[in-house]
Amino acid sequence: MTVDISMPLRGDTDTEQVVAFARSVLLREGVDPTSTLTITFADAAEIASLNEAHLGETGPTDVLSFPIEDAAPDAPPRRAAGGPPLDLGDIVISEEVVAQRADEYGVDYLDELYLMVCHGVLHILGWDHITDEEAALMEARETEHLATVGRRRR
């Protein structure tokens, strides 16, 4: 599993641990181990621009996911027999917004960061939270993944 990650903007973000966590989520979700994913850290202005351009929303957000492959909950994309490795897509995270949300919710910054990594990966894999039922299922899955690394969901 290849997870490419940009340099974080904050000094307390350990990219090796973030990559290891993203890989563990992907593997636990049944993604082919030859797949690739990109995680990029962006400042609030950059993610606000992406949020407006791709979702029509104004202002910054904490995480955006840009999947390449078709997927659904519990049905990750599959590599064709003998085909090339899958490029799953891109996740963009604003550490600035994550820190603001952590303060807002009264949680540890790294708990919130790991939640956003997991949230982004699950969106890449077709999970969503449009309905209350979808949100409950996604939140439960996030809680499971976070527990594997001693992190908690707010």
C-alpha atoms as a PDB file:
ATOM      1  CA  MET A   1       0.000   0.000   0.000  1.00  0.00           C
ATOM      2  CA  THR A   2       1.501   3.304  -1.030  1.00  0.00           C
ATOM      3  CA  VAL A   3       0.321   6.407   0.777  1.00  0.00           C
ATOM      4  CA  ASP A   4       2.057   9.543  -0.456  1.00  0.00           C
ATOM      5  CA  ILE A   5       1.870  12.447   1.967  1.00  0.00           C
ATOM      6  CA  SER A   6       2.903  16.082   1.732  1.00  0.00           C
ATOM      7  CA  MET A   7       4.870  17.890   4.391  1.00  0.00           C
ATOM      8  CA  PRO A   8       2.572  19.019   7.191  1.00  0.00           C
ATOM      9  CA  LEU A   9       2.263  22.687   8.021  1.00  0.00           C
ATOM     10  CA  ARG A  10       2.396  22.000  11.778  1.00  0.00           C
ATOM     11  CA  GLY A  11       5.336  20.548  13.644  1.00  0.00           C
ATOM     12  CA  ASP A  12       3.280  18.117  15.742  1.00  0.00           C
ATOM     13  CA  THR A  13       1.992  16.058  12.810  1.00  0.00           C
ATOM     14  CA  ASP A  14       4.000  12.841  12.482  1.00  0.00           C
ATOM     15  CA  THR A  15       3.634  11.878   8.825  1.00  0.00           C
ATOM     16  CA  GLU A  16       4.938   8.333   9.376  1.00  0.00           C
ATOM     17  CA  GLN A  17       2.210   7.657  11.934  1.00  0.00           C
ATOM     18  CA  VAL A  18      -0.461   9.283   9.768  1.00  0.00           C
ATOM     19  CA  VAL A  19       0.609   7.137   6.798  1.00  0.00           C
ATOM     20  CA  ALA A  20       0.635   3.977   8.944  1.00  0.00           C
ATOM     21  CA  PHE A  21      -2.880   4.765  10.165  1.00  0.00           C
ATOM     22  CA  ALA A  22      -4.202   5.479   6.656  1.00  0.00           C
ATOM     23  CA  ARG A  23      -2.686   2.181   5.450  1.00  0.00           C
ATOM     24  CA  SER A  24      -4.275   0.282   8.331  1.00  0.00           C
ATOM     25  CA  VAL A  25      -7.706   1.737   7.527  1.00  0.00           C
ATOM     26  CA  LEU A  26      -7.327   0.844   3.848  1.00  0.00           C
ATOM     27  CA  LEU A  27      -6.188  -2.709   4.615  1.00  0.00           C
ATOM     28  CA  ARG A  28      -8.923  -3.268   7.214  1.00  0.00           C
ATOM     29  CA  GLU A  29     -11.442  -2.076   4.614  1.00  0.00           C
ATOM     30  CA  GLY A  30     -10.196  -4.735   2.184  1.00  0.00           C
ATOM     31  CA  VAL A  31      -8.381  -2.507  -0.305  1.00  0.00           C
ATOM     32  CA  ASP A  32      -5.859  -4.212  -2.579  1.00  0.00           C
ATOM     33  CA  PRO A  33      -2.412  -3.765  -0.988  1.00  0.00           C
ATOM     34  CA  THR A  34      -0.923  -2.527  -4.271  1.00  0.00           C
ATOM     35  CA  SER A  35      -3.204   0.531  -4.278  1.00  0.00           C
ATOM     36  CA  THR A  36      -2.042   4.121  -3.867  1.00  0.00           C
ATOM     37  CA  LEU A  37      -3.525   7.115  -2.065  1.00  0.00           C
ATOM     38  CA  THR A  38      -2.335  10.702  -1.681  1.00  0.00           C
ATOM     39  CA  ILE A  39      -2.773  12.868   1.424  1.00  0.00           C
ATOM     40  CA  THR A  40      -2.024  16.576   1.065  1.00  0.00           C
ATOM     41  CA  PHE A  41      -1.934  19.174   3.816  1.00  0.00           C
ATOM     42  CA  ALA A  42      -3.269  22.575   2.778  1.00  0.00           C
ATOM     43  CA  ASP A  43      -3.751  25.860   4.536  1.00  0.00           C
ATOM     44  CA  ALA A  44      -7.244  27.247   5.162  1.00  0.00           C
ATOM     45  CA  ALA A  45      -7.213  29.421   2.032  1.00  0.00           C
ATOM     46  CA  GLU A  46      -6.209  26.515  -0.225  1.00  0.00           C
ATOM     47  CA  ILE A  47      -8.854  24.164   1.136  1.00  0.00           C
ATOM     48  CA  ALA A  48     -11.485  26.938   0.961  1.00  0.00           C
ATOM     49  CA  SER A  49     -10.670  27.369  -2.728  1.00  0.00           C
ATOM     50  CA  LEU A  50     -10.997  23.612  -3.333  1.00  0.00           C
ATOM     51  CA  ASN A  51     -14.203  23.485  -1.312  1.00  0.00           C
ATOM     52  CA  GLU A  52     -15.772  26.197  -3.447  1.00  0.00           C
ATOM     53  CA  ALA A  53     -14.468  24.865  -6.763  1.00  0.00           C
ATOM     54  CA  HIS A  54     -15.514  21.246  -6.206  1.00  0.00           C
ATOM     55  CA  LEU A  55     -18.417  21.340  -3.752  1.00  0.00           C
ATOM     56  CA  GLY A  56     -19.783  24.846  -4.258  1.00  0.00           C
ATOM     57  CA  GLU A  57     -19.350  25.528  -0.536  1.00  0.00           C
ATOM     58  CA  THR A  58     -17.961  28.795   0.797  1.00  0.00           C
ATOM     59  CA  GLY A  59     -15.117  28.842   3.300  1.00  0.00           C
ATOM     60  CA  PRO A  60     -12.581  26.374   4.586  1.00  0.00           C
ATOM     61  CA  THR A  61     -13.346  22.843   5.739  1.00  0.00           C
ATOM     62  CA  ASP A  62     -11.298  20.246   7.577  1.00  0.00           C
ATOM     63  CA  VAL A  63     -11.043  17.474   4.976  1.00  0.00           C
ATOM     64  CA  LEU A  64     -11.927  16.911   1.334  1.00  0.00           C
ATOM     65  CA  SER A  65     -11.787  13.606  -0.522  1.00  0.00           C
ATOM     66  CA  PHE A  66     -11.433  13.168  -4.257  1.00  0.00           C
ATOM     67  CA  PRO A  67     -11.988   9.496  -5.128  1.00  0.00           C
ATOM     68  CA  ILE A  68     -10.928   8.151  -8.492  1.00  0.00           C
ATOM     69  CA  GLU A  69     -12.409   4.663  -8.313  1.00  0.00           C
ATOM     70  CA  ASP A  70     -16.048   3.695  -7.833  1.00  0.00           C
ATOM     71  CA  ALA A  71     -16.673   2.230  -4.396  1.00  0.00           C
ATOM     72  CA  ALA A  72     -19.388   1.694  -1.805  1.00  0.00           C
ATOM     73  CA  PRO A  73     -19.364   0.853   1.904  1.00  0.00           C
ATOM     74  CA  ASP A  74     -18.016  -2.672   2.371  1.00  0.00           C
ATOM     75  CA  ALA A  75     -17.346  -2.841  -1.386  1.00  0.00           C
ATOM     76  CA  PRO A  76     -13.936  -1.233  -1.993  1.00  0.00           C
ATOM     77  CA  PRO A  77     -12.670  -0.830  -5.526  1.00  0.00           C
ATOM     78  CA  ARG A  78     -11.119  -3.979  -6.971  1.00  0.00           C
ATOM     79  CA  ARG A  79      -8.019  -4.268  -9.097  1.00  0.00           C
ATOM     80  CA  ALA A  80      -8.640  -6.103 -12.362  1.00  0.00           C
ATOM     81  CA  ALA A  81      -6.785  -9.409 -12.619  1.00  0.00           C
ATOM     82  CA  GLY A  82      -3.365  -8.596 -14.045  1.00  0.00           C
ATOM     83  CA  GLY A  83      -4.292  -4.920 -14.176  1.00  0.00           C
ATOM     84  CA  PRO A  84      -2.305  -1.995 -12.847  1.00  0.00           C
ATOM     85  CA  PRO A  85      -2.473  -0.973  -9.193  1.00  0.00           C
ATOM     86  CA  LEU A  86      -5.417   1.223  -8.277  1.00  0.00           C
ATOM     87  CA  ASP A  87      -4.954   4.937  -7.687  1.00  0.00           C
ATOM     88  CA  LEU A  88      -7.659   5.529  -5.100  1.00  0.00           C
ATOM     89  CA  GLY A  89      -7.569   9.319  -5.140  1.00  0.00           C
ATOM     90  CA  ASP A  90      -6.597  12.286  -3.023  1.00  0.00           C
ATOM     91  CA  ILE A  91      -7.386  13.510   0.466  1.00  0.00           C
ATOM     92  CA  VAL A  92      -6.758  17.153   1.377  1.00  0.00           C
ATOM     93  CA  ILE A  93      -6.611  18.138   5.054  1.00  0.00           C
ATOM     94  CA  SER A  94      -6.374  21.590   6.591  1.00  0.00           C
ATOM     95  CA  GLU A  95      -4.475  21.233   9.855  1.00  0.00           C
ATOM     96  CA  GLU A  96      -5.530  24.795  10.694  1.00  0.00           C
ATOM     97  CA  VAL A  97      -9.222  23.921  10.473  1.00  0.00           C
ATOM     98  CA  VAL A  98      -8.635  20.602  12.258  1.00  0.00           C
ATOM     99  CA  ALA A  99      -7.017  22.510  15.144  1.00  0.00           C
ATOM    100  CA  GLN A 100      -9.962  24.949  15.247  1.00  0.00           C
ATOM    101  CA  ARG A 101     -12.446  22.063  15.333  1.00  0.00           C
ATOM    102  CA  ALA A 102     -10.454  20.281  18.049  1.00  0.00           C
ATOM    103  CA  ASP A 103     -10.642  23.434  20.177  1.00  0.00           C
ATOM    104  CA  GLU A 104     -14.326  23.861  19.358  1.00  0.00           C
ATOM    105  CA  TYR A 105     -15.159  20.271  20.379  1.00  0.00           C
ATOM    106  CA  GLY A 106     -12.729  20.193  23.301  1.00  0.00           C
ATOM    107  CA  VAL A 107     -10.770  17.232  21.965  1.00  0.00           C
ATOM    108  CA  ASP A 108      -7.099  16.494  21.417  1.00  0.00           C
ATOM    109  CA  TYR A 109      -5.713  17.833  18.130  1.00  0.00           C
ATOM    110  CA  LEU A 110      -4.269  14.463  17.131  1.00  0.00           C
ATOM    111  CA  ASP A 111      -7.572  12.690  17.847  1.00  0.00           C
ATOM    112  CA  GLU A 112      -9.286  15.145  15.505  1.00  0.00           C
ATOM    113  CA  LEU A 113      -6.542  14.813  12.867  1.00  0.00           C
ATOM    114  CA  TYR A 114      -6.764  11.014  12.886  1.00  0.00           C
ATOM    115  CA  LEU A 115     -10.548  11.271  12.661  1.00  0.00           C
ATOM    116  CA  MET A 116     -10.181  13.433   9.539  1.00  0.00           C
ATOM    117  CA  VAL A 117      -7.695  10.983   7.996  1.00  0.00           C
ATOM    118  CA  CYS A 118     -10.128   8.120   8.643  1.00  0.00           C
ATOM    119  CA  HIS A 119     -13.095  10.195   7.458  1.00  0.00           C
ATOM    120  CA  GLY A 120     -11.264  11.077   4.254  1.00  0.00           C
ATOM    121  CA  VAL A 121     -10.258   7.470   3.584  1.00  0.00           C
ATOM    122  CA  LEU A 122     -13.805   6.239   4.133  1.00  0.00           C
ATOM    123  CA  HIS A 123     -15.118   8.855   1.681  1.00  0.00           C
ATOM    124  CA  ILE A 124     -12.533   7.632  -0.855  1.00  0.00           C
ATOM    125  CA  LEU A 125     -14.021   4.159  -0.325  1.00  0.00           C
ATOM    126  CA  GLY A 126     -17.597   5.273  -0.973  1.00  0.00           C
ATOM    127  CA  TRP A 127     -18.820   5.922   2.566  1.00  0.00           C
ATOM    128  CA  ASP A 128     -21.010   8.983   3.096  1.00  0.00           C
ATOM    129  CA  HIS A 129     -23.118  10.684   5.749  1.00  0.00           C
ATOM    130  CA  ILE A 130     -25.947  12.283   3.816  1.00  0.00           C
ATOM    131  CA  THR A 131     -28.691  10.448   5.718  1.00  0.00           C
ATOM    132  CA  ASP A 132     -28.808   9.863   9.474  1.00  0.00           C
ATOM    133  CA  GLU A 133     -28.441   6.113   8.874  1.00  0.00           C
ATOM    134  CA  GLU A 134     -25.355   6.601   6.685  1.00  0.00           C
ATOM    135  CA  ALA A 135     -23.866   8.982   9.244  1.00  0.00           C
ATOM    136  CA  ALA A 136     -24.383   6.495  12.085  1.00  0.00           C
ATOM    137  CA  LEU A 137     -22.735   3.693  10.094  1.00  0.00           C
ATOM    138  CA  MET A 138     -19.790   5.878   9.072  1.00  0.00           C
ATOM    139  CA  GLU A 139     -19.279   7.185  12.604  1.00  0.00           C
ATOM    140  CA  ALA A 140     -19.314   3.633  13.990  1.00  0.00           C
ATOM    141  CA  ARG A 141     -16.715   2.572  11.430  1.00  0.00           C
ATOM    142  CA  GLU A 142     -14.547   5.603  12.278  1.00  0.00           C
ATOM    143  CA  THR A 143     -14.761   4.713  15.968  1.00  0.00           C
ATOM    144  CA  GLU A 144     -13.593   1.154  15.209  1.00  0.00           C
ATOM    145  CA  HIS A 145     -10.609   2.313  13.151  1.00  0.00           C
ATOM    146  CA  LEU A 146      -9.569   5.009  15.631  1.00  0.00           C
ATOM    147  CA  ALA A 147      -9.649   2.513  18.495  1.00  0.00           C
ATOM    148  CA  THR A 148      -7.022   0.386  16.730  1.00  0.00           C
ATOM    149  CA  VAL A 149      -4.472   3.168  17.336  1.00  0.00           C
ATOM    150  CA  GLY A 150      -5.719   4.350  20.712  1.00  0.00           C
ATOM    151  CA  ARG A 151      -7.546   7.377  19.340  1.00  0.00           C
ATOM    152  CA  ARG A 152     -11.121   8.361  20.073  1.00  0.00           C
ATOM    153  CA  ARG A 153     -13.900   9.910  18.070  1.00  0.00           C
ATOM    154  CA  ARG A 154     -15.501  13.056  19.432  1.00  0.00           C
END
